Amino acid sequence: MRAERVLAELNRIRQDLDKDPKDPEWFTLHHAFCFISYKLGDFQKYLDETVKPGDEPDFD
């Protein structure tokens, strides 16, 4: 499973919300997106270790 695909989905969910730094949901999604983007290599390693073939969801 590619980390970029998960990151793209997280970004899609984040952009469904109005940008409001005072909204806990937007705040959480935004900072999770930023952190994962910054640590994409570590996130890919995590996915490689925890998501087994066939366990990933269908994003399409």
C-alpha atoms as a PDB file:
ATOM      1  CA  MET A   1       0.000   0.000   0.000  1.00  0.00           C
ATOM      2  CA  ARG A   2       1.387   3.375  -0.980  1.00  0.00           C
ATOM      3  CA  ALA A   3       1.559   6.088   1.659  1.00  0.00           C
ATOM      4  CA  GLU A   4       0.757   8.718  -0.961  1.00  0.00           C
ATOM      5  CA  ARG A   5      -2.662   7.156  -1.546  1.00  0.00           C
ATOM      6  CA  VAL A   6      -3.525   7.330   2.151  1.00  0.00           C
ATOM      7  CA  LEU A   7      -2.215  10.886   2.306  1.00  0.00           C
ATOM      8  CA  ALA A   8      -4.348  11.870  -0.703  1.00  0.00           C
ATOM      9  CA  GLU A   9      -7.447  10.466   0.995  1.00  0.00           C
ATOM     10  CA  LEU A  10      -6.641  12.295   4.215  1.00  0.00           C
ATOM     11  CA  ASN A  11      -6.258  15.514   2.225  1.00  0.00           C
ATOM     12  CA  ARG A  12      -9.598  14.918   0.478  1.00  0.00           C
ATOM     13  CA  ILE A  13     -11.325  14.511   3.842  1.00  0.00           C
ATOM     14  CA  ARG A  14      -9.571  17.606   5.186  1.00  0.00           C
ATOM     15  CA  GLN A  15     -10.658  19.705   2.229  1.00  0.00           C
ATOM     16  CA  ASP A  16     -14.287  18.654   2.676  1.00  0.00           C
ATOM     17  CA  LEU A  17     -14.287  20.846   5.787  1.00  0.00           C
ATOM     18  CA  ASP A  18     -14.238  24.619   5.952  1.00  0.00           C
ATOM     19  CA  LYS A  19     -10.770  25.847   6.871  1.00  0.00           C
ATOM     20  CA  ASP A  20     -11.327  26.808  10.483  1.00  0.00           C
ATOM     21  CA  PRO A  21      -8.351  26.566  12.852  1.00  0.00           C
ATOM     22  CA  LYS A  22     -10.791  26.737  15.801  1.00  0.00           C
ATOM     23  CA  ASP A  23     -12.696  23.632  14.617  1.00  0.00           C
ATOM     24  CA  PRO A  24     -11.209  20.576  16.371  1.00  0.00           C
ATOM     25  CA  GLU A  25     -11.972  18.281  13.418  1.00  0.00           C
ATOM     26  CA  TRP A  26     -10.289  20.534  10.841  1.00  0.00           C
ATOM     27  CA  PHE A  27      -7.393  21.251  13.217  1.00  0.00           C
ATOM     28  CA  THR A  28      -6.788  17.536  13.822  1.00  0.00           C
ATOM     29  CA  LEU A  29      -6.981  16.539  10.164  1.00  0.00           C
ATOM     30  CA  HIS A  30      -4.826  19.443   9.037  1.00  0.00           C
ATOM     31  CA  HIS A  31      -2.009  18.768  11.479  1.00  0.00           C
ATOM     32  CA  ALA A  32      -2.140  15.007  10.925  1.00  0.00           C
ATOM     33  CA  PHE A  33      -1.882  15.661   7.166  1.00  0.00           C
ATOM     34  CA  CYS A  34       1.062  18.044   7.645  1.00  0.00           C
ATOM     35  CA  PHE A  35       2.916  15.684   9.977  1.00  0.00           C
ATOM     36  CA  ILE A  36       2.404  12.624   7.769  1.00  0.00           C
ATOM     37  CA  SER A  37       3.523  14.656   4.737  1.00  0.00           C
ATOM     38  CA  TYR A  38       6.680  15.633   6.599  1.00  0.00           C
ATOM     39  CA  LYS A  39       7.359  12.052   7.729  1.00  0.00           C
ATOM     40  CA  LEU A  40       6.152  10.258   4.586  1.00  0.00           C
ATOM     41  CA  GLY A  41       9.048   7.786   4.598  1.00  0.00           C
ATOM     42  CA  ASP A  42       8.325   6.767   8.187  1.00  0.00           C
ATOM     43  CA  PHE A  43       4.620   6.472   7.382  1.00  0.00           C
ATOM     44  CA  GLN A  44       5.415   4.226   4.398  1.00  0.00           C
ATOM     45  CA  LYS A  45       7.545   2.023   6.643  1.00  0.00           C
ATOM     46  CA  TYR A  46       4.661   1.835   9.148  1.00  0.00           C
ATOM     47  CA  LEU A  47       2.213   0.826   6.404  1.00  0.00           C
ATOM     48  CA  ASP A  48       4.637  -1.777   5.058  1.00  0.00           C
ATOM     49  CA  GLU A  49       4.899  -3.317   8.516  1.00  0.00           C
ATOM     50  CA  THR A  50       1.219  -3.219   9.499  1.00  0.00           C
ATOM     51  CA  VAL A  51      -0.950  -3.485   6.378  1.00  0.00           C
ATOM     52  CA  LYS A  52      -0.866  -6.956   4.894  1.00  0.00           C
ATOM     53  CA  PRO A  53      -1.569  -7.584   1.198  1.00  0.00           C
ATOM     54  CA  GLY A  54      -5.302  -7.634   0.620  1.00  0.00           C
ATOM     55  CA  ASP A  55      -6.091  -5.719   3.822  1.00  0.00           C
ATOM     56  CA  GLU A  56      -6.096  -2.276   2.239  1.00  0.00           C
ATOM     57  CA  PRO A  57      -9.424  -0.601   1.464  1.00  0.00           C
ATOM     58  CA  ASP A  58     -10.649   0.178  -2.028  1.00  0.00           C
ATOM     59  CA  PHE A  59     -10.140   3.938  -2.331  1.00  0.00           C
ATOM     60  CA  ASP A  60     -11.796   4.217  -5.737  1.00  0.00           C
END
